[in-house]
PDB file of N, CA and C in Angstrom:
ATOM      1  N   MET A   1       7.320   4.111  40.774  1.00  0.00           N
ATOM      2  CA  MET A   1       6.994   4.777  39.520  1.00  0.00           C
ATOM      3  C   MET A   1       5.994   5.983  39.852  1.00  0.00           C
ATOM      4  N   ARG A   2       6.247   7.161  39.266  1.00  0.00           N
ATOM      5  CA  ARG A   2       5.378   8.183  39.517  1.00  0.00           C
ATOM      6  C   ARG A   2       4.075   8.018  38.847  1.00  0.00           C
ATOM      7  N   LEU A   3       3.042   8.635  39.452  1.00  0.00           N
ATOM      8  CA  LEU A   3       1.694   8.452  38.910  1.00  0.00           C
ATOM      9  C   LEU A   3       1.581   8.928  37.464  1.00  0.00           C
ATOM     10  N   GLY A   4       2.180  10.080  37.158  1.00  0.00           N
ATOM     11  CA  GLY A   4       2.075  10.587  35.789  1.00  0.00           C
ATOM     12  C   GLY A   4       2.705   9.721  34.773  1.00  0.00           C
ATOM     13  N   THR A   5       3.825   9.162  35.143  1.00  0.00           N
ATOM     14  CA  THR A   5       4.524   8.196  34.179  1.00  0.00           C
ATOM     15  C   THR A   5       3.731   6.958  34.080  1.00  0.00           C
ATOM     16  N   LEU A   6       3.147   6.459  35.095  1.00  0.00           N
ATOM     17  CA  LEU A   6       2.200   5.330  35.117  1.00  0.00           C
ATOM     18  C   LEU A   6       1.079   5.540  34.234  1.00  0.00           C
ATOM     19  N   MET A   7       0.411   6.662  34.304  1.00  0.00           N
ATOM     20  CA  MET A   7      -0.759   6.989  33.544  1.00  0.00           C
ATOM     21  C   MET A   7      -0.378   7.070  32.033  1.00  0.00           C
ATOM     22  N   ALA A   8       0.730   7.709  31.718  1.00  0.00           N
ATOM     23  CA  ALA A   8       1.147   7.811  30.316  1.00  0.00           C
ATOM     24  C   ALA A   8       1.546   6.469  29.704  1.00  0.00           C
ATOM     25  N   PHE A   9       2.109   5.546  30.554  1.00  0.00           N
ATOM     26  CA  PHE A   9       2.345   4.199  30.102  1.00  0.00           C
ATOM     27  C   PHE A   9       1.029   3.452  29.798  1.00  0.00           C
ATOM     28  N   ILE A  10       0.101   3.592  30.705  1.00  0.00           N
ATOM     29  CA  ILE A  10      -1.227   2.942  30.485  1.00  0.00           C
ATOM     30  C   ILE A  10      -1.929   3.477  29.317  1.00  0.00           C
ATOM     31  N   ALA A  11      -1.829   4.843  29.018  1.00  0.00           N
ATOM     32  CA  ALA A  11      -2.458   5.380  27.855  1.00  0.00           C
ATOM     33  C   ALA A  11      -1.713   4.868  26.566  1.00  0.00           C
ATOM     34  N   VAL A  12      -0.506   4.778  26.573  1.00  0.00           N
ATOM     35  CA  VAL A  12       0.139   4.240  25.420  1.00  0.00           C
ATOM     36  C   VAL A  12      -0.197   2.774  25.184  1.00  0.00           C
ATOM     37  N   LEU A  13      -0.234   2.015  26.167  1.00  0.00           N
ATOM     38  CA  LEU A  13      -0.693   0.562  26.048  1.00  0.00           C
ATOM     39  C   LEU A  13      -2.095   0.510  25.510  1.00  0.00           C
ATOM     40  N   ALA A  14      -2.966   1.360  26.003  1.00  0.00           N
ATOM     41  CA  ALA A  14      -4.453   1.325  25.595  1.00  0.00           C
ATOM     42  C   ALA A  14      -4.496   1.682  24.131  1.00  0.00           C
ATOM     43  N   LEU A  15      -3.677   2.597  23.655  1.00  0.00           N
ATOM     44  CA  LEU A  15      -3.689   2.936  22.228  1.00  0.00           C
ATOM     45  C   LEU A  15      -2.998   1.991  21.321  1.00  0.00           C
ATOM     46  N   GLY A  16      -2.194   1.028  21.915  1.00  0.00           N
ATOM     47  CA  GLY A  16      -1.401   0.120  21.137  1.00  0.00           C
ATOM     48  C   GLY A  16      -0.269   0.825  20.412  1.00  0.00           C
ATOM     49  N   GLN A  17       0.269   1.848  21.045  1.00  0.00           N
ATOM     50  CA  GLN A  17       1.445   2.631  20.439  1.00  0.00           C
ATOM     51  C   GLN A  17       2.687   2.499  21.183  1.00  0.00           C
ATOM     52  N   LEU A  18       2.816   1.408  21.842  1.00  0.00           N
ATOM     53  CA  LEU A  18       4.094   1.227  22.602  1.00  0.00           C
ATOM     54  C   LEU A  18       5.295   1.038  21.572  1.00  0.00           C
ATOM     55  N   PRO A  19       6.243   1.890  21.720  1.00  0.00           N
ATOM     56  CA  PRO A  19       7.337   1.785  20.759  1.00  0.00           C
ATOM     57  C   PRO A  19       8.107   0.532  21.001  1.00  0.00           C
ATOM     58  N   SER A  20       8.657  -0.072  19.920  1.00  0.00           N
ATOM     59  CA  SER A  20       9.433  -1.236  20.080  1.00  0.00           C
ATOM     60  C   SER A  20      10.764  -1.038  19.341  1.00  0.00           C
ATOM     61  N   THR A  21      11.708  -1.905  19.655  1.00  0.00           N
ATOM     62  CA  THR A  21      12.998  -1.881  18.916  1.00  0.00           C
ATOM     63  C   THR A  21      12.803  -2.282  17.450  1.00  0.00           C
ATOM     64  N   ALA A  22      11.786  -3.118  17.140  1.00  0.00           N
ATOM     65  CA  ALA A  22      11.530  -3.484  15.715  1.00  0.00           C
ATOM     66  C   ALA A  22      11.180  -2.261  14.916  1.00  0.00           C
ATOM     67  N   ASN A  23      10.263  -1.427  15.465  1.00  0.00           N
ATOM     68  CA  ASN A  23       9.898  -0.248  14.774  1.00  0.00           C
ATOM     69  C   ASN A  23      11.042   0.784  14.680  1.00  0.00           C
ATOM     70  N   ALA A  24      11.816   0.884  15.747  1.00  0.00           N
ATOM     71  CA  ALA A  24      12.932   1.883  15.736  1.00  0.00           C
ATOM     72  C   ALA A  24      14.012   1.576  14.706  1.00  0.00           C
ATOM     73  N   PHE A  25      14.146   0.282  14.446  1.00  0.00           N
ATOM     74  CA  PHE A  25      15.221  -0.143  13.437  1.00  0.00           C
ATOM     75  C   PHE A  25      14.638  -0.225  12.048  1.00  0.00           C
ATOM     76  N   ALA A  26      13.359  -0.296  11.825  1.00  0.00           N
ATOM     77  CA  ALA A  26      12.753  -0.387  10.536  1.00  0.00           C
ATOM     78  C   ALA A  26      13.301  -1.562   9.781  1.00  0.00           C
ATOM     79  N   CYS A  27      13.347  -2.788  10.413  1.00  0.00           N
ATOM     80  CA  CYS A  27      13.896  -3.942   9.727  1.00  0.00           C
ATOM     81  C   CYS A  27      13.040  -4.332   8.494  1.00  0.00           C
ATOM     82  N   PRO A  28      11.755  -4.265   8.538  1.00  0.00           N
ATOM     83  CA  PRO A  28      10.959  -4.646   7.309  1.00  0.00           C
ATOM     84  C   PRO A  28      11.336  -3.885   6.061  1.00  0.00           C
ATOM     85  N   LYS A  29      11.736  -2.620   6.256  1.00  0.00           N
ATOM     86  CA  LYS A  29      12.098  -1.780   5.106  1.00  0.00           C
ATOM     87  C   LYS A  29      13.408  -2.402   4.450  1.00  0.00           C
ATOM     88  N   HIS A  30      14.246  -2.829   5.249  1.00  0.00           N
ATOM     89  CA  HIS A  30      15.510  -3.410   4.785  1.00  0.00           C
ATOM     90  C   HIS A  30      15.260  -4.795   4.077  1.00  0.00           C
ATOM     91  N   PHE A  31      14.300  -5.513   4.696  1.00  0.00           N
ATOM     92  CA  PHE A  31      13.931  -6.837   4.160  1.00  0.00           C
ATOM     93  C   PHE A  31      13.276  -6.621   2.759  1.00  0.00           C
ATOM     94  N   ALA A  32      12.380  -5.650   2.622  1.00  0.00           N
ATOM     95  CA  ALA A  32      11.743  -5.413   1.350  1.00  0.00           C
ATOM     96  C   ALA A  32      12.705  -5.015   0.272  1.00  0.00           C
ATOM     97  N   ALA A  33      13.706  -4.186   0.611  1.00  0.00           N
ATOM     98  CA  ALA A  33      14.701  -3.843  -0.434  1.00  0.00           C
ATOM     99  C   ALA A  33      15.497  -5.031  -0.842  1.00  0.00           C
ATOM    100  N   ALA A  34      15.858  -5.887   0.074  1.00  0.00           N
ATOM    101  CA  ALA A  34      16.646  -7.118  -0.300  1.00  0.00           C
ATOM    102  C   ALA A  34      15.810  -8.044  -1.061  1.00  0.00           C
ATOM    103  N   GLN A  35      14.525  -8.140  -0.712  1.00  0.00           N
ATOM    104  CA  GLN A  35      13.635  -9.142  -1.466  1.00  0.00           C
ATOM    105  C   GLN A  35      13.485  -8.547  -2.891  1.00  0.00           C
ATOM    106  N   ALA A  36      13.343  -7.280  -3.072  1.00  0.00           N
ATOM    107  CA  ALA A  36      13.109  -6.667  -4.354  1.00  0.00           C
ATOM    108  C   ALA A  36      14.280  -6.975  -5.293  1.00  0.00           C
ATOM    109  N   ALA A  37      15.493  -6.822  -4.719  1.00  0.00           N
ATOM    110  CA  ALA A  37      16.742  -7.048  -5.476  1.00  0.00           C
ATOM    111  C   ALA A  37      16.812  -8.543  -5.849  1.00  0.00           C
ATOM    112  N   ILE A  38      16.403  -9.457  -4.920  1.00  0.00           N
ATOM    113  CA  ILE A  38      16.454 -10.917  -5.175  1.00  0.00           C
ATOM    114  C   ILE A  38      15.430 -11.204  -6.299  1.00  0.00           C
ATOM    115  N   ASP A  39      14.263 -10.626  -6.185  1.00  0.00           N
ATOM    116  CA  ASP A  39      13.181 -10.920  -7.200  1.00  0.00           C
ATOM    117  C   ASP A  39      13.616 -10.356  -8.575  1.00  0.00           C
ATOM    118  N   LYS A  40      14.231  -9.287  -8.660  1.00  0.00           N
ATOM    119  CA  LYS A  40      14.725  -8.751  -9.909  1.00  0.00           C
ATOM    120  C   LYS A  40      15.635  -9.741 -10.632  1.00  0.00           C
ATOM    121  N   VAL A  41      16.618 -10.154  -9.887  1.00  0.00           N
ATOM    122  CA  VAL A  41      17.597 -11.156 -10.480  1.00  0.00           C
ATOM    123  C   VAL A  41      16.952 -12.402 -10.859  1.00  0.00           C
ATOM    124  N   THR A  42      16.081 -12.927 -10.006  1.00  0.00           N
ATOM    125  CA  THR A  42      15.375 -14.126 -10.209  1.00  0.00           C
ATOM    126  C   THR A  42      14.527 -14.096 -11.536  1.00  0.00           C
ATOM    127  N   LYS A  43      13.893 -12.957 -11.724  1.00  0.00           N
ATOM    128  CA  LYS A  43      13.136 -12.722 -12.960  1.00  0.00           C
ATOM    129  C   LYS A  43      13.999 -12.657 -14.178  1.00  0.00           C
ATOM    130  N   ASP A  44      15.127 -11.908 -14.051  1.00  0.00           N
ATOM    131  CA  ASP A  44      15.998 -11.755 -15.192  1.00  0.00           C
ATOM    132  C   ASP A  44      16.613 -13.117 -15.593  1.00  0.00           C
ATOM    133  N   MET A  45      16.814 -13.947 -14.591  1.00  0.00           N
ATOM    134  CA  MET A  45      17.410 -15.241 -14.911  1.00  0.00           C
ATOM    135  C   MET A  45      16.522 -16.219 -15.531  1.00  0.00           C
ATOM    136  N   LYS A  46      15.198 -15.994 -15.482  1.00  0.00           N
ATOM    137  CA  LYS A  46      14.273 -16.796 -16.145  1.00  0.00           C
ATOM    138  C   LYS A  46      14.047 -16.344 -17.601  1.00  0.00           C
ATOM    139  N   GLY A  47      14.653 -15.343 -18.009  1.00  0.00           N
ATOM    140  CA  GLY A  47      14.484 -14.789 -19.322  1.00  0.00           C
ATOM    141  C   GLY A  47      15.123 -15.696 -20.431  1.00  0.00           C
ATOM    142  N   GLU A  48      14.829 -15.348 -21.630  1.00  0.00           N
ATOM    143  CA  GLU A  48      15.343 -16.050 -22.840  1.00  0.00           C
ATOM    144  C   GLU A  48      16.878 -15.993 -22.961  1.00  0.00           C
ATOM    145  N   MET A  49      17.478 -14.766 -22.570  1.00  0.00           N
ATOM    146  CA  MET A  49      18.884 -14.648 -22.680  1.00  0.00           C
ATOM    147  C   MET A  49      19.621 -15.638 -21.774  1.00  0.00           C
ATOM    148  N   SER A  50      19.121 -15.915 -20.610  1.00  0.00           N
ATOM    149  CA  SER A  50      19.803 -16.797 -19.644  1.00  0.00           C
ATOM    150  C   SER A  50      19.806 -18.243 -20.319  1.00  0.00           C
ATOM    151  N   LYS A  51      18.720 -18.611 -20.971  1.00  0.00           N
ATOM    152  CA  LYS A  51      18.632 -19.962 -21.563  1.00  0.00           C
ATOM    153  C   LYS A  51      19.635 -20.016 -22.717  1.00  0.00           C
ATOM    154  N   LYS A  52      19.765 -18.910 -23.451  1.00  0.00           N
ATOM    155  CA  LYS A  52      20.820 -18.914 -24.568  1.00  0.00           C
ATOM    156  C   LYS A  52      22.271 -18.932 -24.047  1.00  0.00           C
ATOM    157  N   MET A  53      22.466 -18.298 -22.917  1.00  0.00           N
ATOM    158  CA  MET A  53      23.721 -18.311 -22.260  1.00  0.00           C
ATOM    159  C   MET A  53      24.104 -19.703 -21.845  1.00  0.00           C
ATOM    160  N   ALA A  54      23.158 -20.427 -21.218  1.00  0.00           N
ATOM    161  CA  ALA A  54      23.479 -21.769 -20.705  1.00  0.00           C
ATOM    162  C   ALA A  54      23.669 -22.684 -21.949  1.00  0.00           C
ATOM    163  N   ALA A  55      22.965 -22.484 -23.080  1.00  0.00           N
ATOM    164  CA  ALA A  55      23.197 -23.284 -24.270  1.00  0.00           C
ATOM    165  C   ALA A  55      24.508 -23.035 -24.900  1.00  0.00           C
ATOM    166  N   ALA A  56      25.004 -21.767 -24.688  1.00  0.00           N
ATOM    167  CA  ALA A  56      26.258 -21.329 -25.363  1.00  0.00           C
ATOM    168  C   ALA A  56      27.552 -21.762 -24.548  1.00  0.00           C
ATOM    169  N   GLY A  57      27.356 -22.604 -23.579  1.00  0.00           N
ATOM    170  CA  GLY A  57      28.485 -23.077 -22.862  1.00  0.00           C
ATOM    171  C   GLY A  57      28.843 -22.159 -21.665  1.00  0.00           C
ATOM    172  N   MET A  58      27.910 -21.319 -21.297  1.00  0.00           N
ATOM    173  CA  MET A  58      28.188 -20.400 -20.137  1.00  0.00           C
ATOM    174  C   MET A  58      27.451 -20.932 -18.813  1.00  0.00           C
ATOM    175  N   ALA A  59      27.290 -22.243 -18.791  1.00  0.00           N
ATOM    176  CA  ALA A  59      26.549 -22.834 -17.602  1.00  0.00           C
ATOM    177  C   ALA A  59      27.344 -22.622 -16.335  1.00  0.00           C
ATOM    178  N   ALA A  60      28.702 -22.808 -16.457  1.00  0.00           N
ATOM    179  CA  ALA A  60      29.482 -22.584 -15.177  1.00  0.00           C
ATOM    180  C   ALA A  60      29.347 -21.186 -14.735  1.00  0.00           C
ATOM    181  N   ASP A  61      29.392 -20.231 -15.660  1.00  0.00           N
ATOM    182  CA  ASP A  61      29.261 -18.794 -15.224  1.00  0.00           C
ATOM    183  C   ASP A  61      27.873 -18.511 -14.576  1.00  0.00           C
ATOM    184  N   MET A  62      26.843 -19.180 -15.219  1.00  0.00           N
ATOM    185  CA  MET A  62      25.495 -18.962 -14.720  1.00  0.00           C
ATOM    186  C   MET A  62      25.345 -19.607 -13.322  1.00  0.00           C
ATOM    187  N   ALA A  63      26.062 -20.696 -13.040  1.00  0.00           N
ATOM    188  CA  ALA A  63      26.086 -21.312 -11.775  1.00  0.00           C
ATOM    189  C   ALA A  63      26.645 -20.330 -10.695  1.00  0.00           C
ATOM    190  N   LEU A  64      27.578 -19.497 -11.042  1.00  0.00           N
ATOM    191  CA  LEU A  64      28.127 -18.550 -10.204  1.00  0.00           C
ATOM    192  C   LEU A  64      27.119 -17.416  -9.858  1.00  0.00           C
ATOM    193  N   VAL A  65      26.341 -17.060 -10.867  1.00  0.00           N
ATOM    194  CA  VAL A  65      25.255 -16.097 -10.575  1.00  0.00           C
ATOM    195  C   VAL A  65      24.296 -16.669  -9.584  1.00  0.00           C
ATOM    196  N   HIS A  66      23.901 -17.969  -9.840  1.00  0.00           N
ATOM    197  CA  HIS A  66      23.012 -18.622  -8.863  1.00  0.00           C
ATOM    198  C   HIS A  66      23.592 -18.728  -7.466  1.00  0.00           C
ATOM    199  N   ALA A  67      24.943 -18.856  -7.366  1.00  0.00           N
ATOM    200  CA  ALA A  67      25.592 -19.052  -6.072  1.00  0.00           C
ATOM    201  C   ALA A  67      25.417 -17.631  -5.339  1.00  0.00           C
ATOM    202  N   LEU A  68      25.647 -16.466  -5.992  1.00  0.00           N
ATOM    203  CA  LEU A  68      25.458 -15.225  -5.391  1.00  0.00           C
ATOM    204  C   LEU A  68      23.991 -14.968  -5.008  1.00  0.00           C
ATOM    205  N   LEU A  69      23.090 -15.480  -5.878  1.00  0.00           N
ATOM    206  CA  LEU A  69      21.650 -15.346  -5.505  1.00  0.00           C
ATOM    207  C   LEU A  69      21.287 -16.229  -4.312  1.00  0.00           C
ATOM    208  N   ASP A  70      21.910 -17.384  -4.278  1.00  0.00           N
ATOM    209  CA  ASP A  70      21.585 -18.230  -3.117  1.00  0.00           C
ATOM    210  C   ASP A  70      22.170 -17.622  -1.771  1.00  0.00           C
ATOM    211  N   ASP A  71      23.301 -17.024  -1.915  1.00  0.00           N
ATOM    212  CA  ASP A  71      23.811 -16.289  -0.762  1.00  0.00           C
ATOM    213  C   ASP A  71      22.859 -15.243  -0.255  1.00  0.00           C
ATOM    214  N   ALA A  72      22.350 -14.456  -1.260  1.00  0.00           N
ATOM    215  CA  ALA A  72      21.353 -13.412  -0.925  1.00  0.00           C
ATOM    216  C   ALA A  72      20.201 -14.014  -0.190  1.00  0.00           C
ATOM    217  N   LYS A  73      19.600 -15.113  -0.697  1.00  0.00           N
ATOM    218  CA  LYS A  73      18.517 -15.700  -0.083  1.00  0.00           C
ATOM    219  C   LYS A  73      18.735 -16.175   1.284  1.00  0.00           C
ATOM    220  N   MET A  74      19.931 -16.812   1.501  1.00  0.00           N
ATOM    221  CA  MET A  74      20.272 -17.290   2.841  1.00  0.00           C
ATOM    222  C   MET A  74      20.432 -16.192   3.814  1.00  0.00           C
ATOM    223  N   LEU A  75      21.194 -15.037   3.471  1.00  0.00           N
ATOM    224  CA  LEU A  75      21.305 -13.926   4.288  1.00  0.00           C
ATOM    225  C   LEU A  75      19.944 -13.254   4.649  1.00  0.00           C
ATOM    226  N   LEU A  76      19.060 -13.213   3.739  1.00  0.00           N
ATOM    227  CA  LEU A  76      17.726 -12.694   4.034  1.00  0.00           C
ATOM    228  C   LEU A  76      16.945 -13.509   4.957  1.00  0.00           C
ATOM    229  N   ALA A  77      17.032 -14.763   4.817  1.00  0.00           N
ATOM    230  CA  ALA A  77      16.385 -15.697   5.762  1.00  0.00           C
ATOM    231  C   ALA A  77      16.978 -15.595   7.145  1.00  0.00           C
ATOM    232  N   GLY A  78      18.330 -15.427   7.243  1.00  0.00           N
ATOM    233  CA  GLY A  78      18.959 -15.197   8.521  1.00  0.00           C
ATOM    234  C   GLY A  78      18.485 -13.899   9.115  1.00  0.00           C
ATOM    235  N   ALA A  79      18.341 -12.850   8.323  1.00  0.00           N
ATOM    236  CA  ALA A  79      17.925 -11.560   8.769  1.00  0.00           C
ATOM    237  C   ALA A  79      16.535 -11.629   9.400  1.00  0.00           C
ATOM    238  N   LYS A  80      15.635 -12.259   8.757  1.00  0.00           N
ATOM    239  CA  LYS A  80      14.262 -12.445   9.186  1.00  0.00           C
ATOM    240  C   LYS A  80      14.181 -13.244  10.469  1.00  0.00           C
ATOM    241  N   HIS A  81      15.069 -14.197  10.607  1.00  0.00           N
ATOM    242  CA  HIS A  81      15.194 -14.977  11.836  1.00  0.00           C
ATOM    243  C   HIS A  81      15.567 -14.142  13.039  1.00  0.00           C
ATOM    244  N   ASN A  82      16.636 -13.289  12.790  1.00  0.00           N
ATOM    245  CA  ASN A  82      17.154 -12.443  13.837  1.00  0.00           C
ATOM    246  C   ASN A  82      16.028 -11.464  14.306  1.00  0.00           C
ATOM    247  N   HIS A  83      15.293 -11.001  13.339  1.00  0.00           N
ATOM    248  CA  HIS A  83      14.155 -10.058  13.561  1.00  0.00           C
ATOM    249  C   HIS A  83      12.973 -10.702  14.363  1.00  0.00           C
ATOM    250  N   ALA A  84      12.709 -11.968  13.946  1.00  0.00           N
ATOM    251  CA  ALA A  84      11.514 -12.623  14.534  1.00  0.00           C
ATOM    252  C   ALA A  84      11.770 -13.071  15.969  1.00  0.00           C
ATOM    253  N   LYS A  85      13.005 -13.426  16.303  1.00  0.00           N
ATOM    254  CA  LYS A  85      13.235 -13.882  17.667  1.00  0.00           C
ATOM    255  C   LYS A  85      14.349 -13.026  18.247  1.00  0.00           C
ATOM    256  N   PRO A  86      14.178 -11.735  18.442  1.00  0.00           N
ATOM    257  CA  PRO A  86      15.214 -10.854  18.964  1.00  0.00           C
ATOM    258  C   PRO A  86      15.393 -11.002  20.451  1.00  0.00           C
ATOM    259  N   GLN A  87      16.722 -10.983  20.847  1.00  0.00           N
ATOM    260  CA  GLN A  87      17.004 -10.951  22.274  1.00  0.00           C
ATOM    261  C   GLN A  87      17.201  -9.481  22.738  1.00  0.00           C
ATOM    262  N   GLY A  88      17.224  -8.695  21.776  1.00  0.00           N
ATOM    263  CA  GLY A  88      17.448  -7.209  22.112  1.00  0.00           C
ATOM    264  C   GLY A  88      17.709  -6.361  20.843  1.00  0.00           C
ATOM    265  N   LYS A  89      18.223  -5.150  20.989  1.00  0.00           N
ATOM    266  CA  LYS A  89      18.510  -4.242  19.946  1.00  0.00           C
ATOM    267  C   LYS A  89      19.549  -4.813  19.054  1.00  0.00           C
ATOM    268  N   TYR A  90      20.539  -5.537  19.602  1.00  0.00           N
ATOM    269  CA  TYR A  90      21.637  -6.089  18.799  1.00  0.00           C
ATOM    270  C   TYR A  90      21.139  -7.038  17.726  1.00  0.00           C
ATOM    271  N   ASP A  91      20.108  -7.827  17.987  1.00  0.00           N
ATOM    272  CA  ASP A  91      19.584  -8.760  17.023  1.00  0.00           C
ATOM    273  C   ASP A  91      18.902  -8.002  15.785  1.00  0.00           C
ATOM    274  N   HIS A  92      18.269  -6.880  16.181  1.00  0.00           N
ATOM    275  CA  HIS A  92      17.652  -6.073  15.136  1.00  0.00           C
ATOM    276  C   HIS A  92      18.751  -5.412  14.267  1.00  0.00           C
ATOM    277  N   ALA A  93      19.858  -4.972  14.875  1.00  0.00           N
ATOM    278  CA  ALA A  93      21.027  -4.499  14.137  1.00  0.00           C
ATOM    279  C   ALA A  93      21.538  -5.521  13.248  1.00  0.00           C
ATOM    280  N   ARG A  94      21.731  -6.783  13.723  1.00  0.00           N
ATOM    281  CA  ARG A  94      22.188  -7.825  12.871  1.00  0.00           C
ATOM    282  C   ARG A  94      21.261  -8.163  11.783  1.00  0.00           C
ATOM    283  N   ALA A  95      19.962  -8.082  12.043  1.00  0.00           N
ATOM    284  CA  ALA A  95      18.966  -8.341  10.980  1.00  0.00           C
ATOM    285  C   ALA A  95      19.144  -7.294   9.897  1.00  0.00           C
ATOM    286  N   ILE A  96      19.354  -6.055  10.183  1.00  0.00           N
ATOM    287  CA  ILE A  96      19.521  -5.024   9.223  1.00  0.00           C
ATOM    288  C   ILE A  96      20.857  -5.396   8.433  1.00  0.00           C
ATOM    289  N   ALA A  97      21.889  -5.706   9.109  1.00  0.00           N
ATOM    290  CA  ALA A  97      23.173  -5.941   8.512  1.00  0.00           C
ATOM    291  C   ALA A  97      23.077  -7.148   7.512  1.00  0.00           C
ATOM    292  N   LYS A  98      22.358  -8.179   7.966  1.00  0.00           N
ATOM    293  CA  LYS A  98      22.147  -9.302   7.087  1.00  0.00           C
ATOM    294  C   LYS A  98      21.370  -8.987   5.814  1.00  0.00           C
ATOM    295  N   ALA A  99      20.293  -8.186   6.062  1.00  0.00           N
ATOM    296  CA  ALA A  99      19.401  -7.800   4.998  1.00  0.00           C
ATOM    297  C   ALA A  99      20.084  -6.960   3.978  1.00  0.00           C
ATOM    298  N   ASP A 100      20.899  -6.009   4.450  1.00  0.00           N
ATOM    299  CA  ASP A 100      21.628  -5.222   3.536  1.00  0.00           C
ATOM    300  C   ASP A 100      22.740  -5.963   2.854  1.00  0.00           C
ATOM    301  N   ALA A 101      23.326  -7.048   3.457  1.00  0.00           N
ATOM    302  CA  ALA A 101      24.336  -7.916   2.842  1.00  0.00           C
ATOM    303  C   ALA A 101      23.554  -8.778   1.798  1.00  0.00           C
ATOM    304  N   ALA A 102      22.365  -9.115   2.033  1.00  0.00           N
ATOM    305  CA  ALA A 102      21.544  -9.915   1.056  1.00  0.00           C
ATOM    306  C   ALA A 102      21.287  -9.070  -0.196  1.00  0.00           C
ATOM    307  N   LYS A 103      20.914  -7.861   0.018  1.00  0.00           N
ATOM    308  CA  LYS A 103      20.663  -6.939  -1.076  1.00  0.00           C
ATOM    309  C   LYS A 103      22.110  -6.739  -1.881  1.00  0.00           C
ATOM    310  N   GLY A 104      23.180  -6.645  -1.159  1.00  0.00           N
ATOM    311  CA  GLY A 104      24.416  -6.496  -1.888  1.00  0.00           C
ATOM    312  C   GLY A 104      24.795  -7.803  -2.672  1.00  0.00           C
ATOM    313  N   SER A 105      24.494  -8.954  -2.182  1.00  0.00           N
ATOM    314  CA  SER A 105      24.728 -10.194  -2.987  1.00  0.00           C
ATOM    315  C   SER A 105      23.851 -10.314  -4.149  1.00  0.00           C
ATOM    316  N   ALA A 106      22.625  -9.847  -3.988  1.00  0.00           N
ATOM    317  CA  ALA A 106      21.630  -9.898  -5.100  1.00  0.00           C
ATOM    318  C   ALA A 106      22.022  -8.838  -6.136  1.00  0.00           C
ATOM    319  N   THR A 107      22.467  -7.690  -5.752  1.00  0.00           N
ATOM    320  CA  THR A 107      22.948  -6.693  -6.699  1.00  0.00           C
ATOM    321  C   THR A 107      24.226  -7.123  -7.411  1.00  0.00           C
ATOM    322  N   ALA A 108      25.117  -7.910  -6.776  1.00  0.00           N
ATOM    323  CA  ALA A 108      26.323  -8.351  -7.323  1.00  0.00           C
ATOM    324  C   ALA A 108      25.936  -9.477  -8.387  1.00  0.00           C
ATOM    325  N   ALA A 109      24.898 -10.310  -8.063  1.00  0.00           N
ATOM    326  CA  ALA A 109      24.443 -11.280  -8.963  1.00  0.00           C
ATOM    327  C   ALA A 109      23.905 -10.651 -10.254  1.00  0.00           C
ATOM    328  N   ASP A 110      23.153  -9.524 -10.025  1.00  0.00           N
ATOM    329  CA  ASP A 110      22.520  -8.857 -11.154  1.00  0.00           C
ATOM    330  C   ASP A 110      23.663  -8.222 -12.045  1.00  0.00           C
ATOM    331  N   ILE A 111      24.620  -7.619 -11.419  1.00  0.00           N
ATOM    332  CA  ILE A 111      25.718  -7.000 -12.262  1.00  0.00           C
ATOM    333  C   ILE A 111      26.489  -8.090 -12.986  1.00  0.00           C
ATOM    334  N   PHE A 112      26.847  -9.177 -12.311  1.00  0.00           N
ATOM    335  CA  PHE A 112      27.573 -10.293 -12.984  1.00  0.00           C
ATOM    336  C   PHE A 112      26.765 -10.905 -14.117  1.00  0.00           C
ATOM    337  N   HIS A 113      25.456 -11.067 -13.931  1.00  0.00           N
ATOM    338  CA  HIS A 113      24.565 -11.628 -14.958  1.00  0.00           C
ATOM    339  C   HIS A 113      24.608 -10.704 -16.152  1.00  0.00           C
ATOM    340  N   TRP A 114      24.438  -9.361 -15.945  1.00  0.00           N
ATOM    341  CA  TRP A 114      24.430  -8.394 -17.090  1.00  0.00           C
ATOM    342  C   TRP A 114      25.769  -8.396 -17.840  1.00  0.00           C
ATOM    343  N   LYS A 115      26.922  -8.526 -17.084  1.00  0.00           N
ATOM    344  CA  LYS A 115      28.184  -8.604 -17.661  1.00  0.00           C
ATOM    345  C   LYS A 115      28.324  -9.861 -18.562  1.00  0.00           C
ATOM    346  N   LEU A 116      27.822 -10.933 -18.131  1.00  0.00           N
ATOM    347  CA  LEU A 116      27.795 -12.188 -18.909  1.00  0.00           C
ATOM    348  C   LEU A 116      26.954 -12.036 -20.161  1.00  0.00           C
ATOM    349  N   MET A 117      25.863 -11.385 -20.000  1.00  0.00           N
ATOM    350  CA  MET A 117      24.910 -11.147 -21.163  1.00  0.00           C
ATOM    351  C   MET A 117      25.699 -10.248 -22.253  1.00  0.00           C
ATOM    352  N   GLY A 118      26.523  -9.418 -21.768  1.00  0.00           N
ATOM    353  CA  GLY A 118      27.314  -8.640 -22.673  1.00  0.00           C
ATOM    354  C   GLY A 118      28.315  -9.384 -23.514  1.00  0.00           C
ATOM    355  N   LYS A 119      28.661 -10.600 -23.015  1.00  0.00           N
ATOM    356  CA  LYS A 119      29.569 -11.427 -23.856  1.00  0.00           C
ATOM    357  C   LYS A 119      28.861 -12.208 -25.002  1.00  0.00           C
ATOM    358  N   MET A 120      27.506 -12.192 -24.911  1.00  0.00           N
ATOM    359  CA  MET A 120      26.781 -12.926 -25.928  1.00  0.00           C
ATOM    360  C   MET A 120      26.796 -12.200 -27.179  1.00  0.00           C
TER     361      MET A 120
END
């Protein structure tokens, strides 16, 4: 290793600025977006309209909304696992894929929930 390269590496370590694959992939940003989508649907499902829908015989439909929401939560948990124990860049890429899929499932749950509310 050349002396200049070694000195630069030591300086980066001293400053705590060593780049990592986690930062390069910005996994937490994708996790936050998925969690926000999950939180929105969860909050909407606790509202008065959801209670009226369940009482109006739409419990089976509401169970399907819950299934989509459960899928989103499971995918997000898997994404966080891939990010926490990465074996390399591939695991970070999978974490992002799972987080984005989680956001998609939560968005689908939200759309389905709103469509059901339109039937009321």
